[in-house]
Amino acid sequence: MQKNVFTAIGLCGGGFSMKGQGDNTRLRYTSNKTQGLDENKRVQYTRDEKVMVEVTKTAISIIPATQAGETLTGSFTDVSCLWKEAFNAGKTVISTRLCDKRGA
């Protein structure tokens, strides 16, 4: 059973790093707050926890610092870039279905 919850990562006090190497480009964010959303983007829960989010060209992984075995991964089903001013005013919305290592 796949997760029907989209996990939003609040970057409160967080940071990011990027590694570029050909087609293996990765963007990594760190966060200390996680919000779980339902299909209608309503907040279901909020947790204070350290999390790393890794984004590649086609997929996203969410890795909790204290529970590395609980990593959620998913391929993009849709990407919308809504930038009025490049990387200054706007947002990127990534849609995915996240699964744990069991496929649930």
C-alpha atoms as a PDB file:
ATOM      1  CA  MET A   1       0.000   0.000   0.000  1.00  0.00           C
ATOM      2  CA  GLN A   2       1.459   3.340  -1.015  1.00  0.00           C
ATOM      3  CA  LYS A   3       1.457   6.434   1.160  1.00  0.00           C
ATOM      4  CA  ASN A   4      -1.368   8.840   0.340  1.00  0.00           C
ATOM      5  CA  VAL A   5       0.319  11.514   2.370  1.00  0.00           C
ATOM      6  CA  PHE A   6       2.527  14.144   0.803  1.00  0.00           C
ATOM      7  CA  THR A   7       5.179  15.174   3.285  1.00  0.00           C
ATOM      8  CA  ALA A   8       6.090  18.836   3.307  1.00  0.00           C
ATOM      9  CA  ILE A   9       9.381  19.763   4.811  1.00  0.00           C
ATOM     10  CA  GLY A  10       9.529  23.124   6.558  1.00  0.00           C
ATOM     11  CA  LEU A  11      12.982  24.557   6.104  1.00  0.00           C
ATOM     12  CA  CYS A  12      12.898  26.399   9.410  1.00  0.00           C
ATOM     13  CA  GLY A  13      16.488  27.027  10.317  1.00  0.00           C
ATOM     14  CA  GLY A  14      17.483  24.529   7.663  1.00  0.00           C
ATOM     15  CA  GLY A  15      19.905  24.692   4.815  1.00  0.00           C
ATOM     16  CA  PHE A  16      20.769  23.016   1.558  1.00  0.00           C
ATOM     17  CA  SER A  17      23.710  21.718  -0.393  1.00  0.00           C
ATOM     18  CA  MET A  18      24.080  20.756  -4.029  1.00  0.00           C
ATOM     19  CA  LYS A  19      26.348  18.279  -5.757  1.00  0.00           C
ATOM     20  CA  GLY A  20      26.608  18.582  -9.521  1.00  0.00           C
ATOM     21  CA  GLN A  21      28.190  15.802 -11.511  1.00  0.00           C
ATOM     22  CA  GLY A  22      26.656  15.286 -14.947  1.00  0.00           C
ATOM     23  CA  ASP A  23      23.345  13.465 -14.796  1.00  0.00           C
ATOM     24  CA  ASN A  24      23.837  12.657 -11.094  1.00  0.00           C
ATOM     25  CA  THR A  25      22.992  16.179  -9.909  1.00  0.00           C
ATOM     26  CA  ARG A  26      21.468  16.166  -6.421  1.00  0.00           C
ATOM     27  CA  LEU A  27      20.055  18.901  -4.279  1.00  0.00           C
ATOM     28  CA  ARG A  28      20.011  18.214  -0.542  1.00  0.00           C
ATOM     29  CA  TYR A  29      17.965  20.132   1.990  1.00  0.00           C
ATOM     30  CA  THR A  30      18.105  19.758   5.739  1.00  0.00           C
ATOM     31  CA  SER A  31      15.178  20.552   7.952  1.00  0.00           C
ATOM     32  CA  ASN A  32      14.199  20.430  11.591  1.00  0.00           C
ATOM     33  CA  LYS A  33      10.415  20.345  11.100  1.00  0.00           C
ATOM     34  CA  THR A  34       8.130  18.004   9.136  1.00  0.00           C
ATOM     35  CA  GLN A  35       4.460  18.432   8.254  1.00  0.00           C
ATOM     36  CA  GLY A  36       2.356  15.585   6.906  1.00  0.00           C
ATOM     37  CA  LEU A  37      -0.377  16.615   4.486  1.00  0.00           C
ATOM     38  CA  ASP A  38      -3.355  14.705   3.127  1.00  0.00           C
ATOM     39  CA  GLU A  39      -4.461  14.615  -0.535  1.00  0.00           C
ATOM     40  CA  ASN A  40      -6.189  18.005  -0.081  1.00  0.00           C
ATOM     41  CA  LYS A  41      -3.015  19.587   1.355  1.00  0.00           C
ATOM     42  CA  ARG A  42      -4.473  19.844   4.863  1.00  0.00           C
ATOM     43  CA  VAL A  43      -1.927  19.460   7.662  1.00  0.00           C
ATOM     44  CA  GLN A  44      -2.404  16.127   9.425  1.00  0.00           C
ATOM     45  CA  TYR A  45       0.575  16.345  11.793  1.00  0.00           C
ATOM     46  CA  THR A  46       3.636  18.441  12.614  1.00  0.00           C
ATOM     47  CA  ARG A  47       6.855  17.005  14.057  1.00  0.00           C
ATOM     48  CA  ASP A  48      10.048  18.632  15.280  1.00  0.00           C
ATOM     49  CA  GLU A  49      12.645  16.291  13.791  1.00  0.00           C
ATOM     50  CA  LYS A  50      15.825  16.514  11.736  1.00  0.00           C
ATOM     51  CA  VAL A  51      15.299  15.362   8.161  1.00  0.00           C
ATOM     52  CA  MET A  52      17.356  15.383   4.960  1.00  0.00           C
ATOM     53  CA  VAL A  53      15.538  15.738   1.644  1.00  0.00           C
ATOM     54  CA  GLU A  54      17.434  14.690  -1.477  1.00  0.00           C
ATOM     55  CA  VAL A  55      16.100  15.738  -4.885  1.00  0.00           C
ATOM     56  CA  THR A  56      17.397  14.470  -8.233  1.00  0.00           C
ATOM     57  CA  LYS A  57      16.069  15.168 -11.739  1.00  0.00           C
ATOM     58  CA  THR A  58      13.370  12.523 -11.421  1.00  0.00           C
ATOM     59  CA  ALA A  59      12.954  11.519  -7.771  1.00  0.00           C
ATOM     60  CA  ILE A  60      12.850  12.656  -4.156  1.00  0.00           C
ATOM     61  CA  SER A  61      13.969  10.932  -0.937  1.00  0.00           C
ATOM     62  CA  ILE A  62      13.063  11.966   2.607  1.00  0.00           C
ATOM     63  CA  ILE A  63      15.508  10.614   5.183  1.00  0.00           C
ATOM     64  CA  PRO A  64      14.825  11.102   8.933  1.00  0.00           C
ATOM     65  CA  ALA A  65      18.112  11.621  10.830  1.00  0.00           C
ATOM     66  CA  THR A  66      17.142   9.383  13.743  1.00  0.00           C
ATOM     67  CA  GLN A  67      15.367   6.685  11.702  1.00  0.00           C
ATOM     68  CA  ALA A  68      17.427   6.158   8.523  1.00  0.00           C
ATOM     69  CA  GLY A  69      15.550   2.889   7.908  1.00  0.00           C
ATOM     70  CA  GLU A  70      12.314   4.855   7.549  1.00  0.00           C
ATOM     71  CA  THR A  71      13.354   6.624   4.308  1.00  0.00           C
ATOM     72  CA  LEU A  72      10.525   7.546   1.933  1.00  0.00           C
ATOM     73  CA  THR A  73      11.242   7.725  -1.804  1.00  0.00           C
ATOM     74  CA  GLY A  74       9.238   8.450  -4.912  1.00  0.00           C
ATOM     75  CA  SER A  75       9.520   9.342  -8.573  1.00  0.00           C
ATOM     76  CA  PHE A  76       8.007  12.609  -9.740  1.00  0.00           C
ATOM     77  CA  THR A  77       4.514  12.380 -11.190  1.00  0.00           C
ATOM     78  CA  ASP A  78       4.372  16.117 -11.972  1.00  0.00           C
ATOM     79  CA  VAL A  79       6.609  19.180 -11.617  1.00  0.00           C
ATOM     80  CA  SER A  80       5.289  22.752 -11.889  1.00  0.00           C
ATOM     81  CA  CYS A  81       7.650  25.719 -11.897  1.00  0.00           C
ATOM     82  CA  LEU A  82       5.853  28.952 -11.002  1.00  0.00           C
ATOM     83  CA  TRP A  83       8.623  31.571 -10.837  1.00  0.00           C
ATOM     84  CA  LYS A  84       7.712  35.196 -11.553  1.00  0.00           C
ATOM     85  CA  GLU A  85      11.325  36.178 -10.913  1.00  0.00           C
ATOM     86  CA  ALA A  86      13.910  33.398 -11.279  1.00  0.00           C
ATOM     87  CA  PHE A  87      14.812  31.891  -7.876  1.00  0.00           C
ATOM     88  CA  ASN A  88      13.603  35.011  -6.080  1.00  0.00           C
ATOM     89  CA  ALA A  89       9.811  35.181  -6.292  1.00  0.00           C
ATOM     90  CA  GLY A  90       7.932  31.962  -6.906  1.00  0.00           C
ATOM     91  CA  LYS A  91       7.850  28.278  -6.127  1.00  0.00           C
ATOM     92  CA  THR A  92       8.354  24.811  -7.540  1.00  0.00           C
ATOM     93  CA  VAL A  93       5.691  22.203  -6.790  1.00  0.00           C
ATOM     94  CA  ILE A  94       6.714  18.539  -7.017  1.00  0.00           C
ATOM     95  CA  SER A  95       4.034  15.840  -6.995  1.00  0.00           C
ATOM     96  CA  THR A  96       5.021  12.320  -6.029  1.00  0.00           C
ATOM     97  CA  ARG A  97       3.734   9.217  -4.299  1.00  0.00           C
ATOM     98  CA  LEU A  98       6.133   8.340  -1.481  1.00  0.00           C
ATOM     99  CA  CYS A  99       6.881   4.742  -0.497  1.00  0.00           C
ATOM    100  CA  ASP A 100       9.018   3.174   2.212  1.00  0.00           C
ATOM    101  CA  LYS A 101      11.475   0.340   1.507  1.00  0.00           C
ATOM    102  CA  ARG A 102       8.647  -2.241   1.712  1.00  0.00           C
ATOM    103  CA  GLY A 103       6.748  -0.399  -1.036  1.00  0.00           C
ATOM    104  CA  ALA A 104       4.076   0.703   1.426  1.00  0.00           C
END
